[in-house]
Amino acid sequence: MNASQIYSVVTKNLHFNLGYKNLVSNILPKMVDDNNLPVEKVYRDFWQYRHTEKVT
């Protein structure tokens, strides 16, 4: 998903009140740094779920 799609889902479907610039500049980069959240930046302005491999 690109950042504008994420913003649309968060503001319209989940009813959060935040600015696009705040989401892109602050929230999404912090989500990438958090190992508990499976999110990674794929390309400029595009994000996806991080694939985690289970070791057996």
PDB file of N, CA and C in Angstrom:
ATOM      1  N   MET A   1       0.847  -1.180   0.000  1.00  0.00           N
ATOM      2  CA  MET A   1       0.000   0.000   0.000  1.00  0.00           C
ATOM      3  C   MET A   1       0.889   1.239   0.000  1.00  0.00           C
ATOM      4  N   ASN A   2       0.430   2.257  -0.649  1.00  0.00           N
ATOM      5  CA  ASN A   2       1.188   3.491  -0.550  1.00  0.00           C
ATOM      6  C   ASN A   2       0.650   4.313   0.626  1.00  0.00           C
ATOM      7  N   ALA A   3       1.367   5.353   0.988  1.00  0.00           N
ATOM      8  CA  ALA A   3       1.038   6.130   2.180  1.00  0.00           C
ATOM      9  C   ALA A   3      -0.349   6.771   2.094  1.00  0.00           C
ATOM     10  N   SER A   4      -0.750   7.190   0.920  1.00  0.00           N
ATOM     11  CA  SER A   4      -2.069   7.819   0.804  1.00  0.00           C
ATOM     12  C   SER A   4      -3.188   6.792   1.011  1.00  0.00           C
ATOM     13  N   GLN A   5      -2.972   5.555   0.597  1.00  0.00           N
ATOM     14  CA  GLN A   5      -3.962   4.506   0.846  1.00  0.00           C
ATOM     15  C   GLN A   5      -4.051   4.192   2.338  1.00  0.00           C
ATOM     16  N   ILE A   6      -2.916   4.120   3.001  1.00  0.00           N
ATOM     17  CA  ILE A   6      -2.896   3.882   4.444  1.00  0.00           C
ATOM     18  C   ILE A   6      -3.601   5.021   5.168  1.00  0.00           C
ATOM     19  N   TYR A   7      -3.308   6.244   4.759  1.00  0.00           N
ATOM     20  CA  TYR A   7      -3.947   7.411   5.375  1.00  0.00           C
ATOM     21  C   TYR A   7      -5.464   7.351   5.206  1.00  0.00           C
ATOM     22  N   SER A   8      -5.906   6.969   4.028  1.00  0.00           N
ATOM     23  CA  SER A   8      -7.334   6.882   3.764  1.00  0.00           C
ATOM     24  C   SER A   8      -8.004   5.833   4.655  1.00  0.00           C
ATOM     25  N   VAL A   9      -7.391   4.681   4.794  1.00  0.00           N
ATOM     26  CA  VAL A   9      -7.941   3.624   5.641  1.00  0.00           C
ATOM     27  C   VAL A   9      -7.984   4.060   7.096  1.00  0.00           C
ATOM     28  N   VAL A  10      -6.908   4.666   7.563  1.00  0.00           N
ATOM     29  CA  VAL A  10      -6.815   5.064   8.970  1.00  0.00           C
ATOM     30  C   VAL A  10      -7.817   6.157   9.312  1.00  0.00           C
ATOM     31  N   THR A  11      -7.971   7.130   8.451  1.00  0.00           N
ATOM     32  CA  THR A  11      -8.861   8.246   8.770  1.00  0.00           C
ATOM     33  C   THR A  11     -10.327   7.944   8.502  1.00  0.00           C
ATOM     34  N   LYS A  12     -10.624   7.223   7.428  1.00  0.00           N
ATOM     35  CA  LYS A  12     -12.028   6.978   7.077  1.00  0.00           C
ATOM     36  C   LYS A  12     -12.592   5.737   7.754  1.00  0.00           C
ATOM     37  N   ASN A  13     -11.886   4.633   7.677  1.00  0.00           N
ATOM     38  CA  ASN A  13     -12.409   3.376   8.207  1.00  0.00           C
ATOM     39  C   ASN A  13     -12.204   3.233   9.712  1.00  0.00           C
ATOM     40  N   LEU A  14     -11.051   3.671  10.193  1.00  0.00           N
ATOM     41  CA  LEU A  14     -10.741   3.507  11.614  1.00  0.00           C
ATOM     42  C   LEU A  14     -11.045   4.759  12.433  1.00  0.00           C
ATOM     43  N   HIS A  15     -11.421   5.836  11.763  1.00  0.00           N
ATOM     44  CA  HIS A  15     -11.852   7.089  12.391  1.00  0.00           C
ATOM     45  C   HIS A  15     -10.793   7.720  13.296  1.00  0.00           C
ATOM     46  N   PHE A  16      -9.525   7.646  12.887  1.00  0.00           N
ATOM     47  CA  PHE A  16      -8.468   8.355  13.592  1.00  0.00           C
ATOM     48  C   PHE A  16      -8.354   9.750  13.001  1.00  0.00           C
ATOM     49  N   ASN A  17      -8.045  10.714  13.828  1.00  0.00           N
ATOM     50  CA  ASN A  17      -7.882  12.090  13.379  1.00  0.00           C
ATOM     51  C   ASN A  17      -6.402  12.445  13.424  1.00  0.00           C
ATOM     52  N   LEU A  18      -5.736  12.360  12.275  1.00  0.00           N
ATOM     53  CA  LEU A  18      -4.331  12.724  12.192  1.00  0.00           C
ATOM     54  C   LEU A  18      -4.048  13.261  10.813  1.00  0.00           C
ATOM     55  N   GLY A  19      -2.965  14.009  10.718  1.00  0.00           N
ATOM     56  CA  GLY A  19      -2.595  14.605   9.445  1.00  0.00           C
ATOM     57  C   GLY A  19      -1.748  13.659   8.605  1.00  0.00           C
ATOM     58  N   TYR A  20      -1.826  13.833   7.309  1.00  0.00           N
ATOM     59  CA  TYR A  20      -1.052  12.998   6.388  1.00  0.00           C
ATOM     60  C   TYR A  20       0.442  13.150   6.635  1.00  0.00           C
ATOM     61  N   LYS A  21       0.886  14.393   6.817  1.00  0.00           N
ATOM     62  CA  LYS A  21       2.310  14.641   7.028  1.00  0.00           C
ATOM     63  C   LYS A  21       2.797  13.984   8.317  1.00  0.00           C
ATOM     64  N   ASN A  22       1.988  14.023   9.364  1.00  0.00           N
ATOM     65  CA  ASN A  22       2.346  13.379  10.620  1.00  0.00           C
ATOM     66  C   ASN A  22       2.456  11.868  10.443  1.00  0.00           C
ATOM     67  N   LEU A  23       1.533  11.286   9.712  1.00  0.00           N
ATOM     68  CA  LEU A  23       1.563   9.851   9.459  1.00  0.00           C
ATOM     69  C   LEU A  23       2.834   9.456   8.715  1.00  0.00           C
ATOM     70  N   VAL A  24       3.142  10.171   7.646  1.00  0.00           N
ATOM     71  CA  VAL A  24       4.278   9.824   6.792  1.00  0.00           C
ATOM     72  C   VAL A  24       5.619  10.162   7.456  1.00  0.00           C
ATOM     73  N   SER A  25       5.691  11.276   8.153  1.00  0.00           N
ATOM     74  CA  SER A  25       6.961  11.720   8.722  1.00  0.00           C
ATOM     75  C   SER A  25       7.273  11.109  10.081  1.00  0.00           C
ATOM     76  N   ASN A  26       6.256  10.814  10.876  1.00  0.00           N
ATOM     77  CA  ASN A  26       6.495  10.362  12.240  1.00  0.00           C
ATOM     78  C   ASN A  26       6.032   8.940  12.527  1.00  0.00           C
ATOM     79  N   ILE A  27       4.815   8.633  12.189  1.00  0.00           N
ATOM     80  CA  ILE A  27       4.216   7.366  12.626  1.00  0.00           C
ATOM     81  C   ILE A  27       4.744   6.174  11.825  1.00  0.00           C
ATOM     82  N   LEU A  28       4.692   6.228  10.509  1.00  0.00           N
ATOM     83  CA  LEU A  28       5.147   5.087   9.710  1.00  0.00           C
ATOM     84  C   LEU A  28       6.628   4.765   9.919  1.00  0.00           C
ATOM     85  N   PRO A  29       7.536   5.749   9.967  1.00  0.00           N
ATOM     86  CA  PRO A  29       8.942   5.405  10.237  1.00  0.00           C
ATOM     87  C   PRO A  29       9.145   4.759  11.613  1.00  0.00           C
ATOM     88  N   LYS A  30       8.369   5.168  12.610  1.00  0.00           N
ATOM     89  CA  LYS A  30       8.491   4.550  13.939  1.00  0.00           C
ATOM     90  C   LYS A  30       7.946   3.131  13.919  1.00  0.00           C
ATOM     91  N   MET A  31       6.936   2.872  13.103  1.00  0.00           N
ATOM     92  CA  MET A  31       6.403   1.517  12.979  1.00  0.00           C
ATOM     93  C   MET A  31       7.447   0.587  12.364  1.00  0.00           C
ATOM     94  N   VAL A  32       8.234   1.095  11.439  1.00  0.00           N
ATOM     95  CA  VAL A  32       9.274   0.287  10.812  1.00  0.00           C
ATOM     96  C   VAL A  32      10.359  -0.074  11.827  1.00  0.00           C
ATOM     97  N   ASP A  33      10.693   0.863  12.710  1.00  0.00           N
ATOM     98  CA  ASP A  33      11.732   0.626  13.710  1.00  0.00           C
ATOM     99  C   ASP A  33      11.288  -0.311  14.819  1.00  0.00           C
ATOM    100  N   ASP A  34      10.001  -0.456  15.022  1.00  0.00           N
ATOM    101  CA  ASP A  34       9.473  -1.310  16.081  1.00  0.00           C
ATOM    102  C   ASP A  34       9.438  -2.764  15.603  1.00  0.00           C
ATOM    103  N   ASN A  35      10.174  -3.619  16.275  1.00  0.00           N
ATOM    104  CA  ASN A  35      10.238  -5.030  15.867  1.00  0.00           C
ATOM    105  C   ASN A  35       8.951  -5.785  16.151  1.00  0.00           C
ATOM    106  N   ASN A  36       8.078  -5.237  16.988  1.00  0.00           N
ATOM    107  CA  ASN A  36       6.820  -5.901  17.306  1.00  0.00           C
ATOM    108  C   ASN A  36       5.765  -5.722  16.228  1.00  0.00           C
ATOM    109  N   LEU A  37       5.956  -4.751  15.353  1.00  0.00           N
ATOM    110  CA  LEU A  37       4.992  -4.494  14.279  1.00  0.00           C
ATOM    111  C   LEU A  37       5.556  -5.002  12.955  1.00  0.00           C
ATOM    112  N   PRO A  38       4.827  -5.837  12.251  1.00  0.00           N
ATOM    113  CA  PRO A  38       5.330  -6.412  10.997  1.00  0.00           C
ATOM    114  C   PRO A  38       5.136  -5.485   9.799  1.00  0.00           C
ATOM    115  N   VAL A  39       5.813  -4.334   9.835  1.00  0.00           N
ATOM    116  CA  VAL A  39       5.683  -3.344   8.761  1.00  0.00           C
ATOM    117  C   VAL A  39       7.078  -3.001   8.259  1.00  0.00           C
ATOM    118  N   GLU A  40       7.219  -2.856   6.954  1.00  0.00           N
ATOM    119  CA  GLU A  40       8.495  -2.437   6.393  1.00  0.00           C
ATOM    120  C   GLU A  40       8.257  -1.509   5.206  1.00  0.00           C
ATOM    121  N   LYS A  41       9.231  -0.653   4.977  1.00  0.00           N
ATOM    122  CA  LYS A  41       9.167   0.244   3.829  1.00  0.00           C
ATOM    123  C   LYS A  41       9.748  -0.503   2.638  1.00  0.00           C
ATOM    124  N   VAL A  42       8.978  -0.563   1.569  1.00  0.00           N
ATOM    125  CA  VAL A  42       9.389  -1.315   0.394  1.00  0.00           C
ATOM    126  C   VAL A  42      10.082  -0.412  -0.615  1.00  0.00           C
ATOM    127  N   TYR A  43       9.473   0.701  -0.872  1.00  0.00           N
ATOM    128  CA  TYR A  43       9.952   1.635  -1.870  1.00  0.00           C
ATOM    129  C   TYR A  43       9.479   3.003  -1.424  1.00  0.00           C
ATOM    130  N   ARG A  44       9.914   4.022  -2.071  1.00  0.00           N
ATOM    131  CA  ARG A  44       9.528   5.369  -1.681  1.00  0.00           C
ATOM    132  C   ARG A  44       8.007   5.492  -1.620  1.00  0.00           C
ATOM    133  N   ASP A  45       7.516   5.760  -0.425  1.00  0.00           N
ATOM    134  CA  ASP A  45       6.088   5.972  -0.168  1.00  0.00           C
ATOM    135  C   ASP A  45       5.252   4.694  -0.235  1.00  0.00           C
ATOM    136  N   PHE A  46       5.882   3.513  -0.262  1.00  0.00           N
ATOM    137  CA  PHE A  46       5.146   2.250  -0.265  1.00  0.00           C
ATOM    138  C   PHE A  46       5.555   1.405   0.930  1.00  0.00           C
ATOM    139  N   TRP A  47       4.571   0.781   1.560  1.00  0.00           N
ATOM    140  CA  TRP A  47       4.770   0.009   2.783  1.00  0.00           C
ATOM    141  C   TRP A  47       4.097  -1.348   2.630  1.00  0.00           C
ATOM    142  N   GLN A  48       4.606  -2.343   3.350  1.00  0.00           N
ATOM    143  CA  GLN A  48       3.989  -3.657   3.324  1.00  0.00           C
ATOM    144  C   GLN A  48       4.231  -4.363   4.654  1.00  0.00           C
ATOM    145  N   TYR A  49       3.502  -5.464   4.837  1.00  0.00           N
ATOM    146  CA  TYR A  49       3.735  -6.291   6.011  1.00  0.00           C
ATOM    147  C   TYR A  49       5.069  -6.984   5.856  1.00  0.00           C
ATOM    148  N   ARG A  50       5.823  -7.039   6.945  1.00  0.00           N
ATOM    149  CA  ARG A  50       7.117  -7.711   6.947  1.00  0.00           C
ATOM    150  C   ARG A  50       6.880  -9.214   7.023  1.00  0.00           C
ATOM    151  N   HIS A  51       7.550  -9.939   6.160  1.00  0.00           N
ATOM    152  CA  HIS A  51       7.459 -11.397   6.176  1.00  0.00           C
ATOM    153  C   HIS A  51       8.415 -11.918   7.237  1.00  0.00           C
ATOM    154  N   THR A  52       7.903 -12.671   8.159  1.00  0.00           N
ATOM    155  CA  THR A  52       8.754 -13.244   9.193  1.00  0.00           C
ATOM    156  C   THR A  52       8.838 -14.737   8.974  1.00  0.00           C
ATOM    157  N   GLU A  53      10.033 -15.231   9.104  1.00  0.00           N
ATOM    158  CA  GLU A  53      10.248 -16.656   8.933  1.00  0.00           C
ATOM    159  C   GLU A  53      10.279 -17.317  10.293  1.00  0.00           C
ATOM    160  N   LYS A  54       9.572 -18.408  10.413  1.00  0.00           N
ATOM    161  CA  LYS A  54       9.567 -19.165  11.652  1.00  0.00           C
ATOM    162  C   LYS A  54      10.640 -20.243  11.560  1.00  0.00           C
ATOM    163  N   VAL A  55      11.485 -20.282  12.579  1.00  0.00           N
ATOM    164  CA  VAL A  55      12.533 -21.286  12.633  1.00  0.00           C
ATOM    165  C   VAL A  55      11.999 -22.488  13.399  1.00  0.00           C
ATOM    166  N   THR A  56      12.097 -23.656  12.782  1.00  0.00           N
ATOM    167  CA  THR A  56      11.598 -24.864  13.461  1.00  0.00           C
ATOM    168  C   THR A  56      12.711 -25.772  13.861  1.00  0.00           C
TER     169      THR A  56
END
